[in-house]
Amino acid sequence: MTSNNLSLDLYLYLILAVKIIYYIIIIIYLRAKFKNLENEEKLLNIKNIIHKVFNGLMIFLMLYLFFPSSINKSVEISGHTRLFLFIFAILSLISLITEIFTGNNHI
């Protein structure tokens, strides 16, 4: 797959933006939790929604990349697409490790 596909590049940037927003919400949530602010539960709900949106976008990306429309057609992932998939994997791994060490999905 070449990086000349503008719609794929825009979609990858959308996924990255959603993940960045997710981490910003986590930081805001932790600040609210530390200061015992009232909006802690609302921020937790927003974080969970954004995480589900990210997962949904990743599912559609995988369906797009690996759709078996042609059995003989190979998929080459290179350039920006490869870099973005690597970054998404690292960010998802960080989220998983955070959930494991805290014992729940509340950050």
N, C-alpha and C. Protein backbone atom coordinates (compact mmCIF):
# COMPACT_ATOMS: atom_id res chain seq x y z
N MET A 1 0.84 -1.16 0.00
CA MET A 1 0.00 0.00 0.00
C MET A 1 0.89 1.23 0.00
N THR A 2 0.63 2.13 -0.87
CA THR A 2 1.45 3.33 -0.97
C THR A 2 0.85 4.44 -0.14
N SER A 3 1.66 5.41 0.18
CA SER A 3 1.16 6.53 0.99
C SER A 3 0.51 7.60 0.12
N ASN A 4 0.25 7.30 -1.17
CA ASN A 4 -0.40 8.26 -2.06
C ASN A 4 -1.91 8.27 -1.88
N ASN A 5 -2.45 7.38 -1.09
CA ASN A 5 -3.88 7.30 -0.87
C ASN A 5 -4.28 8.35 0.16
N LEU A 6 -4.81 9.47 -0.30
CA LEU A 6 -5.14 10.60 0.57
C LEU A 6 -6.21 10.25 1.59
N SER A 7 -7.23 9.51 1.18
CA SER A 7 -8.30 9.18 2.12
C SER A 7 -7.77 8.29 3.25
N LEU A 8 -6.87 7.37 2.94
CA LEU A 8 -6.28 6.54 3.99
C LEU A 8 -5.42 7.39 4.92
N ASP A 9 -4.64 8.29 4.37
CA ASP A 9 -3.82 9.17 5.21
C ASP A 9 -4.68 10.02 6.14
N LEU A 10 -5.77 10.57 5.63
CA LEU A 10 -6.66 11.38 6.46
C LEU A 10 -7.30 10.51 7.55
N TYR A 11 -7.66 9.30 7.20
CA TYR A 11 -8.24 8.38 8.19
C TYR A 11 -7.24 8.05 9.29
N LEU A 12 -5.98 7.85 8.91
CA LEU A 12 -4.93 7.57 9.90
C LEU A 12 -4.73 8.77 10.82
N TYR A 13 -4.77 9.97 10.27
CA TYR A 13 -4.65 11.17 11.11
C TYR A 13 -5.84 11.31 12.05
N LEU A 14 -7.03 10.93 11.58
CA LEU A 14 -8.21 10.95 12.43
C LEU A 14 -8.03 10.00 13.62
N ILE A 15 -7.54 8.79 13.34
CA ILE A 15 -7.31 7.82 14.41
C ILE A 15 -6.28 8.37 15.40
N LEU A 16 -5.21 8.95 14.89
CA LEU A 16 -4.19 9.52 15.76
C LEU A 16 -4.76 10.65 16.61
N ALA A 17 -5.58 11.49 16.02
CA ALA A 17 -6.19 12.60 16.78
C ALA A 17 -7.08 12.06 17.89
N VAL A 18 -7.84 11.02 17.61
CA VAL A 18 -8.70 10.43 18.63
C VAL A 18 -7.85 9.88 19.78
N LYS A 19 -6.74 9.23 19.46
CA LYS A 19 -5.89 8.67 20.51
C LYS A 19 -5.23 9.78 21.34
N ILE A 20 -4.85 10.87 20.70
CA ILE A 20 -4.27 12.00 21.42
C ILE A 20 -5.31 12.61 22.35
N ILE A 21 -6.53 12.76 21.87
CA ILE A 21 -7.62 13.28 22.71
C ILE A 21 -7.84 12.34 23.90
N TYR A 22 -7.74 11.05 23.66
CA TYR A 22 -7.89 10.06 24.73
C TYR A 22 -6.87 10.31 25.84
N TYR A 23 -5.62 10.51 25.46
CA TYR A 23 -4.59 10.74 26.48
C TYR A 23 -4.75 12.10 27.17
N ILE A 24 -5.23 13.09 26.46
CA ILE A 24 -5.51 14.39 27.09
C ILE A 24 -6.62 14.25 28.13
N ILE A 25 -7.65 13.49 27.79
CA ILE A 25 -8.74 13.26 28.74
C ILE A 25 -8.23 12.51 29.97
N ILE A 26 -7.31 11.55 29.76
CA ILE A 26 -6.75 10.83 30.90
C ILE A 26 -6.02 11.79 31.83
N ILE A 27 -5.25 12.70 31.27
CA ILE A 27 -4.52 13.68 32.08
C ILE A 27 -5.49 14.57 32.84
N ILE A 28 -6.53 15.04 32.16
CA ILE A 28 -7.53 15.88 32.82
C ILE A 28 -8.25 15.09 33.91
N TYR A 29 -8.56 13.82 33.62
CA TYR A 29 -9.22 12.97 34.62
C TYR A 29 -8.35 12.79 35.86
N LEU A 30 -7.08 12.51 35.65
CA LEU A 30 -6.18 12.32 36.79
C LEU A 30 -6.07 13.59 37.63
N ARG A 31 -6.04 14.72 36.97
CA ARG A 31 -6.00 16.00 37.67
C ARG A 31 -7.27 16.20 38.50
N ALA A 32 -8.42 15.88 37.88
CA ALA A 32 -9.69 16.02 38.59
C ALA A 32 -9.77 15.05 39.77
N LYS A 33 -9.26 13.85 39.58
CA LYS A 33 -9.28 12.86 40.66
C LYS A 33 -8.37 13.29 41.81
N PHE A 34 -7.22 13.84 41.47
CA PHE A 34 -6.26 14.28 42.49
C PHE A 34 -6.82 15.45 43.30
N LYS A 35 -7.55 16.34 42.62
CA LYS A 35 -8.09 17.52 43.29
C LYS A 35 -9.52 17.32 43.79
N ASN A 36 -10.02 16.08 43.66
CA ASN A 36 -11.38 15.74 44.11
C ASN A 36 -12.44 16.65 43.51
N LEU A 37 -12.37 16.87 42.22
CA LEU A 37 -13.36 17.69 41.54
C LEU A 37 -14.61 16.87 41.25
N GLU A 38 -15.73 17.56 41.05
CA GLU A 38 -17.01 16.89 40.87
C GLU A 38 -17.17 16.22 39.51
N ASN A 39 -16.43 16.64 38.50
CA ASN A 39 -16.62 16.12 37.16
C ASN A 39 -15.80 14.86 36.87
N GLU A 40 -15.33 14.20 37.90
CA GLU A 40 -14.49 13.02 37.74
C GLU A 40 -15.23 11.90 36.99
N GLU A 41 -16.46 11.62 37.37
CA GLU A 41 -17.24 10.54 36.74
C GLU A 41 -17.55 10.86 35.28
N LYS A 42 -17.87 12.12 35.00
CA LYS A 42 -18.16 12.53 33.62
C LYS A 42 -16.92 12.36 32.74
N LEU A 43 -15.76 12.73 33.26
CA LEU A 43 -14.51 12.55 32.50
C LEU A 43 -14.20 11.08 32.27
N LEU A 44 -14.51 10.24 33.23
CA LEU A 44 -14.30 8.81 33.06
C LEU A 44 -15.19 8.26 31.96
N ASN A 45 -16.43 8.72 31.91
CA ASN A 45 -17.34 8.29 30.84
C ASN A 45 -16.85 8.76 29.48
N ILE A 46 -16.38 9.99 29.40
CA ILE A 46 -15.85 10.52 28.13
C ILE A 46 -14.63 9.71 27.70
N LYS A 47 -13.75 9.39 28.64
CA LYS A 47 -12.57 8.59 28.33
C LYS A 47 -12.97 7.24 27.75
N ASN A 48 -13.96 6.60 28.36
CA ASN A 48 -14.40 5.30 27.88
C ASN A 48 -15.02 5.38 26.49
N ILE A 49 -15.78 6.42 26.23
CA ILE A 49 -16.38 6.61 24.91
C ILE A 49 -15.30 6.82 23.86
N ILE A 50 -14.33 7.66 24.15
CA ILE A 50 -13.25 7.93 23.19
C ILE A 50 -12.45 6.66 22.93
N HIS A 51 -12.24 5.85 23.97
CA HIS A 51 -11.52 4.59 23.78
C HIS A 51 -12.30 3.65 22.86
N LYS A 52 -13.62 3.61 23.01
CA LYS A 52 -14.45 2.78 22.14
C LYS A 52 -14.44 3.29 20.70
N VAL A 53 -14.43 4.60 20.52
CA VAL A 53 -14.35 5.18 19.19
C VAL A 53 -13.03 4.79 18.53
N PHE A 54 -11.93 4.89 19.29
CA PHE A 54 -10.62 4.49 18.76
C PHE A 54 -10.64 3.03 18.33
N ASN A 55 -11.17 2.16 19.17
CA ASN A 55 -11.22 0.74 18.82
C ASN A 55 -12.07 0.50 17.57
N GLY A 56 -13.18 1.20 17.47
CA GLY A 56 -14.02 1.08 16.28
C GLY A 56 -13.30 1.54 15.02
N LEU A 57 -12.61 2.67 15.11
CA LEU A 57 -11.85 3.16 13.96
C LEU A 57 -10.76 2.17 13.56
N MET A 58 -10.11 1.56 14.55
CA MET A 58 -9.07 0.57 14.25
C MET A 58 -9.66 -0.67 13.58
N ILE A 59 -10.84 -1.07 14.01
CA ILE A 59 -11.51 -2.22 13.38
C ILE A 59 -11.78 -1.93 11.91
N PHE A 60 -12.31 -0.75 11.61
CA PHE A 60 -12.58 -0.39 10.22
C PHE A 60 -11.29 -0.29 9.40
N LEU A 61 -10.22 0.17 10.03
CA LEU A 61 -8.93 0.23 9.33
C LEU A 61 -8.46 -1.18 8.96
N MET A 62 -8.56 -2.10 9.90
CA MET A 62 -8.15 -3.49 9.62
C MET A 62 -9.03 -4.11 8.53
N LEU A 63 -10.33 -3.84 8.59
CA LEU A 63 -11.21 -4.35 7.54
C LEU A 63 -10.84 -3.79 6.18
N TYR A 64 -10.50 -2.52 6.14
CA TYR A 64 -10.10 -1.89 4.88
C TYR A 64 -8.79 -2.48 4.35
N LEU A 65 -7.81 -2.62 5.24
CA LEU A 65 -6.50 -3.10 4.80
C LEU A 65 -6.51 -4.56 4.39
N PHE A 66 -7.27 -5.38 5.08
CA PHE A 66 -7.18 -6.81 4.88
C PHE A 66 -8.45 -7.44 4.33
N PHE A 67 -9.30 -6.65 3.71
CA PHE A 67 -10.53 -7.18 3.12
C PHE A 67 -10.17 -8.15 2.00
N PRO A 68 -10.69 -9.37 2.07
CA PRO A 68 -10.30 -10.38 1.07
C PRO A 68 -11.06 -10.24 -0.24
N SER A 69 -11.04 -9.06 -0.84
CA SER A 69 -11.76 -8.85 -2.09
C SER A 69 -11.13 -9.61 -3.24
N SER A 70 -9.85 -9.81 -3.16
CA SER A 70 -9.15 -10.57 -4.18
C SER A 70 -8.12 -11.45 -3.48
N ILE A 71 -8.28 -12.74 -3.62
CA ILE A 71 -7.41 -13.68 -2.95
C ILE A 71 -5.96 -13.54 -3.42
N ASN A 72 -5.77 -13.25 -4.68
CA ASN A 72 -4.42 -13.16 -5.25
C ASN A 72 -3.74 -11.82 -5.00
N LYS A 73 -4.46 -10.88 -4.45
CA LYS A 73 -3.93 -9.54 -4.23
C LYS A 73 -3.20 -9.50 -2.89
N SER A 74 -1.97 -9.04 -2.88
CA SER A 74 -1.23 -8.93 -1.64
C SER A 74 -1.31 -7.50 -1.11
N VAL A 75 -1.16 -7.38 0.18
CA VAL A 75 -1.21 -6.07 0.82
C VAL A 75 0.19 -5.73 1.28
N GLU A 76 0.69 -4.61 0.80
CA GLU A 76 2.00 -4.13 1.24
C GLU A 76 1.77 -2.90 2.11
N ILE A 77 2.21 -2.98 3.33
CA ILE A 77 2.06 -1.88 4.26
C ILE A 77 3.42 -1.23 4.44
N SER A 78 3.54 0.01 3.97
CA SER A 78 4.82 0.70 4.04
C SER A 78 4.58 2.19 4.26
N GLY A 79 5.66 2.89 4.44
CA GLY A 79 5.58 4.34 4.58
C GLY A 79 4.80 4.78 5.80
N HIS A 80 3.93 5.78 5.59
CA HIS A 80 3.16 6.35 6.68
C HIS A 80 2.22 5.32 7.32
N THR A 81 1.64 4.47 6.50
CA THR A 81 0.71 3.48 7.02
C THR A 81 1.41 2.56 8.02
N ARG A 82 2.57 2.12 7.68
CA ARG A 82 3.34 1.25 8.58
C ARG A 82 3.70 1.98 9.88
N LEU A 83 4.15 3.23 9.76
CA LEU A 83 4.51 4.02 10.93
C LEU A 83 3.30 4.24 11.83
N PHE A 84 2.16 4.60 11.24
CA PHE A 84 0.95 4.82 12.03
C PHE A 84 0.51 3.54 12.75
N LEU A 85 0.54 2.41 12.07
CA LEU A 85 0.15 1.16 12.72
C LEU A 85 1.08 0.83 13.88
N PHE A 86 2.36 1.11 13.71
CA PHE A 86 3.33 0.89 14.79
C PHE A 86 3.02 1.81 15.98
N ILE A 87 2.76 3.07 15.71
CA ILE A 87 2.44 4.04 16.78
C ILE A 87 1.16 3.63 17.49
N PHE A 88 0.14 3.20 16.73
CA PHE A 88 -1.11 2.78 17.34
C PHE A 88 -0.89 1.57 18.24
N ALA A 89 -0.04 0.65 17.81
CA ALA A 89 0.26 -0.53 18.62
C ALA A 89 0.93 -0.12 19.93
N ILE A 90 1.89 0.79 19.86
CA ILE A 90 2.58 1.25 21.07
C ILE A 90 1.61 1.95 22.01
N LEU A 91 0.77 2.83 21.48
CA LEU A 91 -0.20 3.55 22.31
C LEU A 91 -1.21 2.59 22.94
N SER A 92 -1.64 1.60 22.20
CA SER A 92 -2.57 0.61 22.75
C SER A 92 -1.90 -0.23 23.82
N LEU A 93 -0.64 -0.55 23.62
CA LEU A 93 0.11 -1.31 24.62
C LEU A 93 0.25 -0.51 25.92
N ILE A 94 0.50 0.79 25.79
CA ILE A 94 0.58 1.66 26.97
C ILE A 94 -0.75 1.65 27.71
N SER A 95 -1.86 1.73 26.98
CA SER A 95 -3.18 1.70 27.61
C SER A 95 -3.41 0.37 28.33
N LEU A 96 -3.03 -0.71 27.69
CA LEU A 96 -3.21 -2.03 28.30
C LEU A 96 -2.38 -2.17 29.57
N ILE A 97 -1.13 -1.75 29.52
CA ILE A 97 -0.26 -1.83 30.70
C ILE A 97 -0.81 -0.98 31.83
N THR A 98 -1.33 0.20 31.51
CA THR A 98 -1.92 1.07 32.52
C THR A 98 -3.10 0.39 33.19
N GLU A 99 -3.95 -0.25 32.39
CA GLU A 99 -5.11 -0.94 32.96
C GLU A 99 -4.68 -2.12 33.82
N ILE A 100 -3.65 -2.84 33.42
CA ILE A 100 -3.19 -3.99 34.19
C ILE A 100 -2.63 -3.54 35.53
N PHE A 101 -1.80 -2.53 35.54
CA PHE A 101 -1.17 -2.09 36.78
C PHE A 101 -2.13 -1.40 37.74
N THR A 102 -3.17 -0.79 37.22
CA THR A 102 -4.13 -0.15 38.11
C THR A 102 -5.23 -1.12 38.55
N GLY A 103 -5.32 -2.26 37.90
CA GLY A 103 -6.29 -3.26 38.30
C GLY A 103 -7.70 -3.02 37.76
N ASN A 104 -7.88 -1.97 36.99
CA ASN A 104 -9.19 -1.70 36.39
C ASN A 104 -9.01 -0.81 35.16
N ASN A 105 -10.11 -0.48 34.53
CA ASN A 105 -10.01 0.39 33.37
C ASN A 105 -10.34 1.84 33.71
N HIS A 106 -10.19 2.19 34.97
CA HIS A 106 -10.42 3.59 35.40
C HIS A 106 -9.12 4.37 35.40
N ILE A 107 -8.25 4.14 34.42
CA ILE A 107 -6.95 4.76 34.22
C ILE A 107 -5.88 3.91 34.76
